[in-house]
C-alpha atoms as a PDB file:
ATOM      1  CA  MET A   1      18.201 127.008 137.258  1.00  0.00           C
ATOM      2  CA  GLU A   2      19.437 127.448 133.685  1.00  0.00           C
ATOM      3  CA  ALA A   3      22.761 129.090 132.906  1.00  0.00           C
ATOM      4  CA  SER A   4      22.527 132.557 131.386  1.00  0.00           C
ATOM      5  CA  PRO A   5      23.533 132.956 127.732  1.00  0.00           C
ATOM      6  CA  THR A   6      26.733 134.697 128.871  1.00  0.00           C
ATOM      7  CA  SER A   7      27.708 131.905 131.234  1.00  0.00           C
ATOM      8  CA  ARG A   8      26.804 129.248 128.630  1.00  0.00           C
ATOM      9  CA  LYS A   9      29.031 131.043 126.133  1.00  0.00           C
ATOM     10  CA  GLN A  10      31.844 131.207 128.712  1.00  0.00           C
ATOM     11  CA  LEU A  11      31.467 127.494 129.525  1.00  0.00           C
ATOM     12  CA  THR A  12      31.614 126.673 125.820  1.00  0.00           C
ATOM     13  CA  HIS A  13      34.673 128.904 125.399  1.00  0.00           C
ATOM     14  CA  GLU A  14      36.373 127.065 128.294  1.00  0.00           C
ATOM     15  CA  ARG A  15      35.518 123.678 126.777  1.00  0.00           C
ATOM     16  CA  ILE A  16      37.047 124.712 123.439  1.00  0.00           C
ATOM     17  CA  LEU A  17      40.180 125.998 125.203  1.00  0.00           C
ATOM     18  CA  ASP A  18      40.595 122.847 127.309  1.00  0.00           C
ATOM     19  CA  THR A  19      40.260 120.693 124.197  1.00  0.00           C
ATOM     20  CA  ALA A  20      42.668 122.840 122.169  1.00  0.00           C
ATOM     21  CA  ALA A  21      45.259 122.942 124.991  1.00  0.00           C
ATOM     22  CA  ARG A  22      45.312 119.151 125.166  1.00  0.00           C
ATOM     23  CA  VAL A  23      45.462 118.665 121.386  1.00  0.00           C
ATOM     24  CA  LEU A  24      48.144 121.350 121.072  1.00  0.00           C
ATOM     25  CA  ARG A  25      50.487 119.489 123.440  1.00  0.00           C
ATOM     26  CA  GLU A  26      49.563 116.143 121.918  1.00  0.00           C
ATOM     27  CA  SER A  27      49.874 117.022 118.216  1.00  0.00           C
ATOM     28  CA  GLY A  28      51.764 120.320 117.973  1.00  0.00           C
ATOM     29  CA  PHE A  29      50.653 123.552 116.356  1.00  0.00           C
ATOM     30  CA  GLN A  30      49.997 121.962 112.957  1.00  0.00           C
ATOM     31  CA  GLY A  31      47.789 119.349 114.617  1.00  0.00           C
ATOM     32  CA  VAL A  32      45.327 121.970 115.831  1.00  0.00           C
ATOM     33  CA  GLY A  33      42.656 122.314 113.182  1.00  0.00           C
ATOM     34  CA  VAL A  34      39.597 124.395 113.962  1.00  0.00           C
ATOM     35  CA  ALA A  35      37.134 121.780 112.670  1.00  0.00           C
ATOM     36  CA  ASP A  36      38.808 118.981 114.643  1.00  0.00           C
ATOM     37  CA  ILE A  37      38.929 120.998 117.872  1.00  0.00           C
ATOM     38  CA  MET A  38      35.268 121.916 117.595  1.00  0.00           C
ATOM     39  CA  LYS A  39      34.324 118.303 116.846  1.00  0.00           C
ATOM     40  CA  ARG A  40      36.344 117.011 119.808  1.00  0.00           C
ATOM     41  CA  ALA A  41      34.677 119.620 122.002  1.00  0.00           C
ATOM     42  CA  GLY A  42      31.286 118.356 120.808  1.00  0.00           C
ATOM     43  CA  LEU A  43      30.477 121.544 118.919  1.00  0.00           C
ATOM     44  CA  THR A  44      29.866 122.552 115.327  1.00  0.00           C
ATOM     45  CA  HIS A  45      32.598 124.163 113.265  1.00  0.00           C
ATOM     46  CA  GLY A  46      30.393 127.168 112.552  1.00  0.00           C
ATOM     47  CA  GLY A  47      30.362 128.243 116.191  1.00  0.00           C
ATOM     48  CA  PHE A  48      34.124 128.780 116.340  1.00  0.00           C
ATOM     49  CA  TYR A  49      34.112 132.459 115.336  1.00  0.00           C
ATOM     50  CA  ALA A  50      31.669 133.330 118.111  1.00  0.00           C
ATOM     51  CA  HIS A  51      34.560 132.532 120.480  1.00  0.00           C
ATOM     52  CA  PHE A  52      37.797 133.349 118.636  1.00  0.00           C
ATOM     53  CA  PRO A  53      38.604 135.831 115.859  1.00  0.00           C
ATOM     54  CA  SER A  54      41.133 133.443 114.276  1.00  0.00           C
ATOM     55  CA  ARG A  55      42.984 130.141 114.608  1.00  0.00           C
ATOM     56  CA  ASP A  56      46.045 132.044 115.871  1.00  0.00           C
ATOM     57  CA  ALA A  57      43.938 133.616 118.630  1.00  0.00           C
ATOM     58  CA  LEU A  58      42.838 130.105 119.636  1.00  0.00           C
ATOM     59  CA  LEU A  59      46.445 128.874 119.577  1.00  0.00           C
ATOM     60  CA  ALA A  60      47.671 131.743 121.761  1.00  0.00           C
ATOM     61  CA  GLU A  61      44.895 131.212 124.317  1.00  0.00           C
ATOM     62  CA  ALA A  62      45.297 127.432 124.220  1.00  0.00           C
ATOM     63  CA  LEU A  63      49.018 127.782 124.833  1.00  0.00           C
ATOM     64  CA  GLU A  64      48.311 130.043 127.801  1.00  0.00           C
ATOM     65  CA  ARG A  65      45.741 127.564 129.150  1.00  0.00           C
ATOM     66  CA  ALA A  66      48.135 124.630 128.691  1.00  0.00           C
ATOM     67  CA  GLY A  67      50.806 126.581 130.568  1.00  0.00           C
ATOM     68  CA  GLN A  68      48.490 127.481 133.430  1.00  0.00           C
ATOM     69  CA  ASP A  69      47.336 123.876 133.773  1.00  0.00           C
ATOM     70  CA  SER A  70      50.896 122.578 133.635  1.00  0.00           C
ATOM     71  CA  GLN A  71      52.089 125.190 136.140  1.00  0.00           C
ATOM     72  CA  ALA A  72      49.335 124.252 138.596  1.00  0.00           C
ATOM     73  CA  ARG A  73      50.187 120.535 138.295  1.00  0.00           C
ATOM     74  CA  LEU A  74      53.886 121.259 138.717  1.00  0.00           C
ATOM     75  CA  GLN A  75      53.270 123.337 141.845  1.00  0.00           C
ATOM     76  CA  ARG A  76      51.081 120.566 143.326  1.00  0.00           C
ATOM     77  CA  SER A  77      53.792 118.008 142.542  1.00  0.00           C
ATOM     78  CA  ILE A  78      56.476 120.176 144.101  1.00  0.00           C
ATOM     79  CA  GLY A  79      54.361 120.601 147.231  1.00  0.00           C
ATOM     80  CA  ALA A  80      53.647 116.874 147.452  1.00  0.00           C
ATOM     81  CA  GLY A  81      57.246 115.842 146.728  1.00  0.00           C
ATOM     82  CA  GLU A  82      58.991 118.425 148.877  1.00  0.00           C
ATOM     83  CA  LYS A  83      60.993 116.891 151.711  1.00  0.00           C
ATOM     84  CA  ASP A  84      62.872 118.925 154.295  1.00  0.00           C
ATOM     85  CA  GLY A  85      62.161 122.128 152.368  1.00  0.00           C
ATOM     86  CA  ASN A  86      63.944 120.868 149.244  1.00  0.00           C
ATOM     87  CA  ARG A  87      61.728 122.368 146.539  1.00  0.00           C
ATOM     88  CA  PHE A  88      64.455 122.089 143.884  1.00  0.00           C
ATOM     89  CA  ARG A  89      64.684 118.297 144.218  1.00  0.00           C
ATOM     90  CA  ALA A  90      60.888 118.069 144.104  1.00  0.00           C
ATOM     91  CA  LEU A  91      60.828 120.188 140.916  1.00  0.00           C
ATOM     92  CA  VAL A  92      63.489 118.107 139.162  1.00  0.00           C
ATOM     93  CA  GLU A  93      61.948 114.794 140.178  1.00  0.00           C
ATOM     94  CA  SER A  94      58.480 115.913 139.094  1.00  0.00           C
ATOM     95  CA  TYR A  95      59.476 117.491 135.776  1.00  0.00           C
ATOM     96  CA  LEU A  96      61.754 114.620 134.783  1.00  0.00           C
ATOM     97  CA  SER A  97      59.348 111.924 135.948  1.00  0.00           C
ATOM     98  CA  GLU A  98      58.215 108.889 134.008  1.00  0.00           C
ATOM     99  CA  ARG A  99      54.659 110.258 134.309  1.00  0.00           C
ATOM    100  CA  HIS A 100      55.718 113.412 132.437  1.00  0.00           C
ATOM    101  CA  LEU A 101      57.569 111.293 129.859  1.00  0.00           C
ATOM    102  CA  LYS A 102      54.402 109.313 129.119  1.00  0.00           C
ATOM    103  CA  ALA A 103      51.939 112.188 128.855  1.00  0.00           C
ATOM    104  CA  PRO A 104      53.001 115.096 126.634  1.00  0.00           C
ATOM    105  CA  GLU A 105      49.329 115.989 126.133  1.00  0.00           C
ATOM    106  CA  ALA A 106      49.007 116.770 129.852  1.00  0.00           C
ATOM    107  CA  GLY A 107      52.493 118.128 130.502  1.00  0.00           C
ATOM    108  CA  CYS A 108      54.603 121.212 130.039  1.00  0.00           C
ATOM    109  CA  PRO A 109      53.784 123.009 126.770  1.00  0.00           C
ATOM    110  CA  VAL A 110      57.332 124.382 126.563  1.00  0.00           C
ATOM    111  CA  ALA A 111      58.750 120.848 126.346  1.00  0.00           C
ATOM    112  CA  ALA A 112      56.015 119.783 123.936  1.00  0.00           C
ATOM    113  CA  LEU A 113      56.241 122.800 121.616  1.00  0.00           C
ATOM    114  CA  ALA A 114      59.516 124.735 122.030  1.00  0.00           C
ATOM    115  CA  SER A 115      60.993 123.769 118.673  1.00  0.00           C
ATOM    116  CA  GLU A 116      57.824 124.867 116.855  1.00  0.00           C
ATOM    117  CA  MET A 117      57.325 128.214 118.615  1.00  0.00           C
ATOM    118  CA  PRO A 118      59.688 130.341 116.480  1.00  0.00           C
ATOM    119  CA  ARG A 119      57.699 129.503 113.320  1.00  0.00           C
ATOM    120  CA  GLN A 120      54.345 130.696 114.671  1.00  0.00           C
ATOM    121  CA  SER A 121      52.577 134.035 114.369  1.00  0.00           C
ATOM    122  CA  GLU A 122      53.659 136.947 116.540  1.00  0.00           C
ATOM    123  CA  ALA A 123      50.757 136.426 118.965  1.00  0.00           C
ATOM    124  CA  VAL A 124      51.553 132.732 119.396  1.00  0.00           C
ATOM    125  CA  ARG A 125      55.290 133.440 119.778  1.00  0.00           C
ATOM    126  CA  ALA A 126      54.460 135.991 122.495  1.00  0.00           C
ATOM    127  CA  ALA A 127      52.335 133.402 124.316  1.00  0.00           C
ATOM    128  CA  GLY A 128      55.185 130.891 123.973  1.00  0.00           C
ATOM    129  CA  ALA A 129      57.709 133.378 125.350  1.00  0.00           C
ATOM    130  CA  ALA A 130      55.415 134.062 128.317  1.00  0.00           C
ATOM    131  CA  ARG A 131      55.141 130.325 129.042  1.00  0.00           C
ATOM    132  CA  THR A 132      58.923 129.977 128.832  1.00  0.00           C
ATOM    133  CA  GLN A 133      59.438 132.899 131.226  1.00  0.00           C
ATOM    134  CA  SER A 134      56.921 131.330 133.610  1.00  0.00           C
ATOM    135  CA  LEU A 135      58.868 128.060 133.598  1.00  0.00           C
ATOM    136  CA  ILE A 136      62.133 129.899 134.276  1.00  0.00           C
ATOM    137  CA  ALA A 137      60.475 131.797 137.147  1.00  0.00           C
ATOM    138  CA  SER A 138      59.224 128.522 138.630  1.00  0.00           C
ATOM    139  CA  VAL A 139      62.747 127.124 138.512  1.00  0.00           C
ATOM    140  CA  ALA A 140      64.180 130.319 140.050  1.00  0.00           C
ATOM    141  CA  ALA A 141      61.720 130.027 142.942  1.00  0.00           C
ATOM    142  CA  THR A 142      63.065 126.573 143.794  1.00  0.00           C
ATOM    143  CA  LEU A 143      66.805 127.129 143.369  1.00  0.00           C
ATOM    144  CA  PRO A 144      68.840 126.553 146.512  1.00  0.00           C
ATOM    145  CA  PRO A 145      70.122 129.716 148.228  1.00  0.00           C
ATOM    146  CA  ASP A 146      73.707 128.971 147.150  1.00  0.00           C
ATOM    147  CA  GLN A 147      72.693 129.150 143.469  1.00  0.00           C
ATOM    148  CA  SER A 148      72.450 132.311 141.393  1.00  0.00           C
ATOM    149  CA  GLU A 149      69.003 133.136 139.988  1.00  0.00           C
ATOM    150  CA  GLU A 150      70.749 133.406 136.623  1.00  0.00           C
ATOM    151  CA  ASN A 151      71.081 129.618 136.707  1.00  0.00           C
ATOM    152  CA  ALA A 152      67.293 129.291 136.417  1.00  0.00           C
ATOM    153  CA  GLY A 153      67.372 129.570 132.624  1.00  0.00           C
ATOM    154  CA  ILE A 154      70.156 126.985 132.412  1.00  0.00           C
ATOM    155  CA  VAL A 155      68.232 124.566 134.620  1.00  0.00           C
ATOM    156  CA  ALA A 156      64.997 125.176 132.679  1.00  0.00           C
ATOM    157  CA  ALA A 157      66.840 124.445 129.421  1.00  0.00           C
ATOM    158  CA  GLN A 158      68.236 121.234 130.906  1.00  0.00           C
ATOM    159  CA  LEU A 159      64.784 120.161 132.097  1.00  0.00           C
ATOM    160  CA  VAL A 160      63.093 120.854 128.762  1.00  0.00           C
ATOM    161  CA  GLY A 161      65.900 119.355 126.673  1.00  0.00           C
ATOM    162  CA  ALA A 162      66.199 116.234 128.823  1.00  0.00           C
ATOM    163  CA  LEU A 163      62.471 115.618 128.610  1.00  0.00           C
ATOM    164  CA  GLN A 164      62.422 116.173 124.836  1.00  0.00           C
ATOM    165  CA  LEU A 165      65.321 113.756 124.306  1.00  0.00           C
ATOM    166  CA  ALA A 166      63.744 111.150 126.579  1.00  0.00           C
ATOM    167  CA  ARG A 167      60.505 111.410 124.595  1.00  0.00           C
ATOM    168  CA  ALA A 168      62.478 111.064 121.360  1.00  0.00           C
ATOM    169  CA  LEU A 169      64.063 107.891 122.757  1.00  0.00           C
ATOM    170  CA  GLY A 170      60.607 106.645 123.742  1.00  0.00           C
ATOM    171  CA  ASP A 171      58.642 105.560 126.762  1.00  0.00           C
ATOM    172  CA  ASN A 172      60.975 102.620 127.235  1.00  0.00           C
ATOM    173  CA  ALA A 173      64.137 101.656 129.137  1.00  0.00           C
ATOM    174  CA  LYS A 174      66.302 104.070 127.089  1.00  0.00           C
ATOM    175  CA  GLY A 175      63.994 107.034 127.653  1.00  0.00           C
ATOM    176  CA  ARG A 176      63.618 106.311 131.369  1.00  0.00           C
ATOM    177  CA  ARG A 177      67.385 105.826 131.768  1.00  0.00           C
ATOM    178  CA  HIS A 178      68.005 109.178 130.091  1.00  0.00           C
ATOM    179  CA  LEU A 179      65.574 110.872 132.516  1.00  0.00           C
ATOM    180  CA  ALA A 180      67.250 109.233 135.520  1.00  0.00           C
ATOM    181  CA  ARG A 181      70.697 110.414 134.392  1.00  0.00           C
ATOM    182  CA  ALA A 182      69.439 113.934 133.706  1.00  0.00           C
ATOM    183  CA  ARG A 183      67.774 114.097 137.147  1.00  0.00           C
ATOM    184  CA  GLN A 184      70.987 113.023 138.827  1.00  0.00           C
ATOM    185  CA  PHE A 185      73.086 115.467 136.815  1.00  0.00           C
ATOM    186  CA  LEU A 186      70.877 118.424 137.735  1.00  0.00           C
ATOM    187  CA  LEU A 187      70.794 117.470 141.398  1.00  0.00           C
ATOM    188  CA  ASP A 188      74.586 116.999 141.466  1.00  0.00           C
ATOM    189  CA  GLN A 189      75.146 120.383 139.795  1.00  0.00           C
ATOM    190  CA  PHE A 190      72.532 122.600 141.384  1.00  0.00           C
ATOM    191  CA  GLU A 191      71.153 121.091 144.581  1.00  0.00           C
ATOM    192  CA  ALA A 192      72.175 122.783 147.817  1.00  0.00           C
ATOM    193  CA  SER A 193      75.177 121.263 149.523  1.00  0.00           C
ATOM    194  CA  PRO A 194      74.404 119.557 152.817  1.00  0.00           C
ATOM    195  CA  THR A 195      75.189 121.802 155.753  1.00  0.00           C
ATOM    196  CA  ASN A 196      77.915 120.804 158.113  1.00  0.00           C
ATOM    197  CA  HIS A 197      76.777 120.042 161.636  1.00  0.00           C
END
């Protein structure tokens, strides 16, 4: 059975968004050209405006998509890495992993794009702020009971900054060493103290 025109249009829209979300994290906001995105999605440039009113509308939706994808992967990683109910350790170890270091195009859009967000249009800045708030909320949900929820923003900043610096150092011994030190620092500062038996 053939897809209806509406569902075909929706599938095409999703393909454009998936492509743009990946390229956005890989190349930054300036790296997202309409013609290139459409070509990578296997579509003609002329079809773009049937899906998005502007490049900024594409960027805002692509940022949202990248955040949703990253959030889902992070939650799966936390679930898989959680031991003895320690969601905070699982979050830190997943976010500051060598896998995340190596793959900015598949990782957290906040870490990939934070320094560029303030220079974007209002719609894109709003999407960036929503992604940042989502990251902070994810951190807050994993903080140990002895930590204030206000620490979530501090931890999120440490996670994002540590990952950005590690990427700047490179996917090499220096970058990996920086991640390992940042992981240990966060766990030492914010992980729940062992209970006395």
